Amino acid sequence: MLHGALLKTSRNAFALGLCLFTAGASWVGLRPPVQRAELRVPFVENAGQIANPEVAYYASTFHGGVYVDRGGEILYLL
């Protein structure tokens, strides 16, 4: 008789755990999406600031410089 009561209790505990897990999983799915910051690189047109005339635009970043030549190629210098 004790075995039957224990089995019934463990089934109830399993069912409760499954319900709580399902409720938690559905709550996680309802959270609003995480907002991500936009990173913008302010490019400046080269009007003689850079000695190389092939550089059309450039930008200074925290870790180096980004240069765009007249052919559209991008060069990132660290």
C-alpha atoms as a PDB file:
ATOM      1  CA  MET A   1       0.000   0.000   0.000  1.00  0.00           C
ATOM      2  CA  LEU A   2       2.875   2.356   0.781  1.00  0.00           C
ATOM      3  CA  HIS A   3       4.378   1.608  -2.599  1.00  0.00           C
ATOM      4  CA  GLY A   4       1.133   2.588  -4.381  1.00  0.00           C
ATOM      5  CA  ALA A   5       0.863   5.882  -2.470  1.00  0.00           C
ATOM      6  CA  LEU A   6       4.492   6.701  -3.204  1.00  0.00           C
ATOM      7  CA  LEU A   7       4.004   5.943  -6.899  1.00  0.00           C
ATOM      8  CA  LYS A   8       0.912   8.166  -7.015  1.00  0.00           C
ATOM      9  CA  THR A   9       2.816  10.993  -5.252  1.00  0.00           C
ATOM     10  CA  SER A  10       5.741  10.749  -7.657  1.00  0.00           C
ATOM     11  CA  ARG A  11       3.368  10.832 -10.644  1.00  0.00           C
ATOM     12  CA  ASN A  12       1.686  13.932  -9.222  1.00  0.00           C
ATOM     13  CA  ALA A  13       5.072  15.557  -8.648  1.00  0.00           C
ATOM     14  CA  PHE A  14       6.123  14.709 -12.207  1.00  0.00           C
ATOM     15  CA  ALA A  15       2.885  16.153 -13.610  1.00  0.00           C
ATOM     16  CA  LEU A  16       3.307  19.323 -11.545  1.00  0.00           C
ATOM     17  CA  GLY A  17       6.911  19.677 -12.682  1.00  0.00           C
ATOM     18  CA  LEU A  18       5.895  19.204 -16.306  1.00  0.00           C
ATOM     19  CA  CYS A  19       3.187  21.872 -15.957  1.00  0.00           C
ATOM     20  CA  LEU A  20       5.623  24.315 -14.353  1.00  0.00           C
ATOM     21  CA  PHE A  21       8.225  23.623 -17.047  1.00  0.00           C
ATOM     22  CA  THR A  22       5.657  24.211 -19.801  1.00  0.00           C
ATOM     23  CA  ALA A  23       4.428  27.413 -18.167  1.00  0.00           C
ATOM     24  CA  GLY A  24       7.998  28.654 -17.781  1.00  0.00           C
ATOM     25  CA  ALA A  25       8.864  27.807 -21.371  1.00  0.00           C
ATOM     26  CA  SER A  26       5.823  29.660 -22.671  1.00  0.00           C
ATOM     27  CA  TRP A  27       6.675  32.671 -20.482  1.00  0.00           C
ATOM     28  CA  VAL A  28      10.183  32.788 -21.936  1.00  0.00           C
ATOM     29  CA  GLY A  29       8.700  32.833 -25.442  1.00  0.00           C
ATOM     30  CA  LEU A  30       6.480  35.810 -24.586  1.00  0.00           C
ATOM     31  CA  ARG A  31       9.292  38.136 -23.501  1.00  0.00           C
ATOM     32  CA  PRO A  32       9.866  41.156 -25.737  1.00  0.00           C
ATOM     33  CA  PRO A  33      12.858  40.912 -28.086  1.00  0.00           C
ATOM     34  CA  VAL A  34      16.175  42.288 -26.891  1.00  0.00           C
ATOM     35  CA  GLN A  35      16.927  45.737 -28.262  1.00  0.00           C
ATOM     36  CA  ARG A  36      20.329  45.984 -29.910  1.00  0.00           C
ATOM     37  CA  ALA A  37      22.234  49.204 -30.285  1.00  0.00           C
ATOM     38  CA  GLU A  38      23.060  50.304 -33.793  1.00  0.00           C
ATOM     39  CA  LEU A  39      26.692  50.867 -34.619  1.00  0.00           C
ATOM     40  CA  ARG A  40      27.270  53.558 -37.188  1.00  0.00           C
ATOM     41  CA  VAL A  41      30.573  54.531 -38.704  1.00  0.00           C
ATOM     42  CA  PRO A  42      30.618  58.195 -39.735  1.00  0.00           C
ATOM     43  CA  PHE A  43      32.331  58.208 -43.127  1.00  0.00           C
ATOM     44  CA  VAL A  44      33.800  61.469 -44.355  1.00  0.00           C
ATOM     45  CA  GLU A  45      34.382  62.299 -47.995  1.00  0.00           C
ATOM     46  CA  ASN A  46      38.064  62.687 -48.766  1.00  0.00           C
ATOM     47  CA  ALA A  47      38.594  66.249 -49.955  1.00  0.00           C
ATOM     48  CA  GLY A  48      42.352  66.207 -49.507  1.00  0.00           C
ATOM     49  CA  GLN A  49      42.509  65.168 -45.845  1.00  0.00           C
ATOM     50  CA  ILE A  50      44.037  61.821 -46.879  1.00  0.00           C
ATOM     51  CA  ALA A  51      47.114  62.113 -49.097  1.00  0.00           C
ATOM     52  CA  ASN A  52      46.116  59.171 -51.309  1.00  0.00           C
ATOM     53  CA  PRO A  53      43.762  60.457 -54.062  1.00  0.00           C
ATOM     54  CA  GLU A  54      42.317  56.930 -54.538  1.00  0.00           C
ATOM     55  CA  VAL A  55      40.611  57.151 -51.114  1.00  0.00           C
ATOM     56  CA  ALA A  56      37.033  58.336 -51.649  1.00  0.00           C
ATOM     57  CA  TYR A  57      35.773  58.085 -48.042  1.00  0.00           C
ATOM     58  CA  TYR A  58      37.335  57.355 -44.682  1.00  0.00           C
ATOM     59  CA  ALA A  59      36.287  56.902 -41.058  1.00  0.00           C
ATOM     60  CA  SER A  60      38.158  56.733 -37.791  1.00  0.00           C
ATOM     61  CA  THR A  61      37.077  53.989 -35.389  1.00  0.00           C
ATOM     62  CA  PHE A  62      38.131  52.994 -31.891  1.00  0.00           C
ATOM     63  CA  HIS A  63      40.550  50.408 -33.265  1.00  0.00           C
ATOM     64  CA  GLY A  64      41.815  51.924 -36.485  1.00  0.00           C
ATOM     65  CA  GLY A  65      40.700  53.435 -39.739  1.00  0.00           C
ATOM     66  CA  VAL A  66      38.328  52.360 -42.493  1.00  0.00           C
ATOM     67  CA  TYR A  67      38.999  53.551 -46.028  1.00  0.00           C
ATOM     68  CA  VAL A  68      36.858  53.177 -49.160  1.00  0.00           C
ATOM     69  CA  ASP A  69      38.634  53.639 -52.474  1.00  0.00           C
ATOM     70  CA  ARG A  70      37.145  54.945 -55.696  1.00  0.00           C
ATOM     71  CA  GLY A  71      36.555  51.371 -56.908  1.00  0.00           C
ATOM     72  CA  GLY A  72      34.399  50.554 -53.876  1.00  0.00           C
ATOM     73  CA  GLU A  73      36.934  48.373 -52.065  1.00  0.00           C
ATOM     74  CA  ILE A  74      37.063  48.666 -48.291  1.00  0.00           C
ATOM     75  CA  LEU A  75      40.321  48.664 -46.342  1.00  0.00           C
ATOM     76  CA  TYR A  76      40.314  48.362 -42.556  1.00  0.00           C
ATOM     77  CA  LEU A  77      43.593  49.202 -40.821  1.00  0.00           C
ATOM     78  CA  LEU A  78      44.139  48.280 -37.187  1.00  0.00           C
END
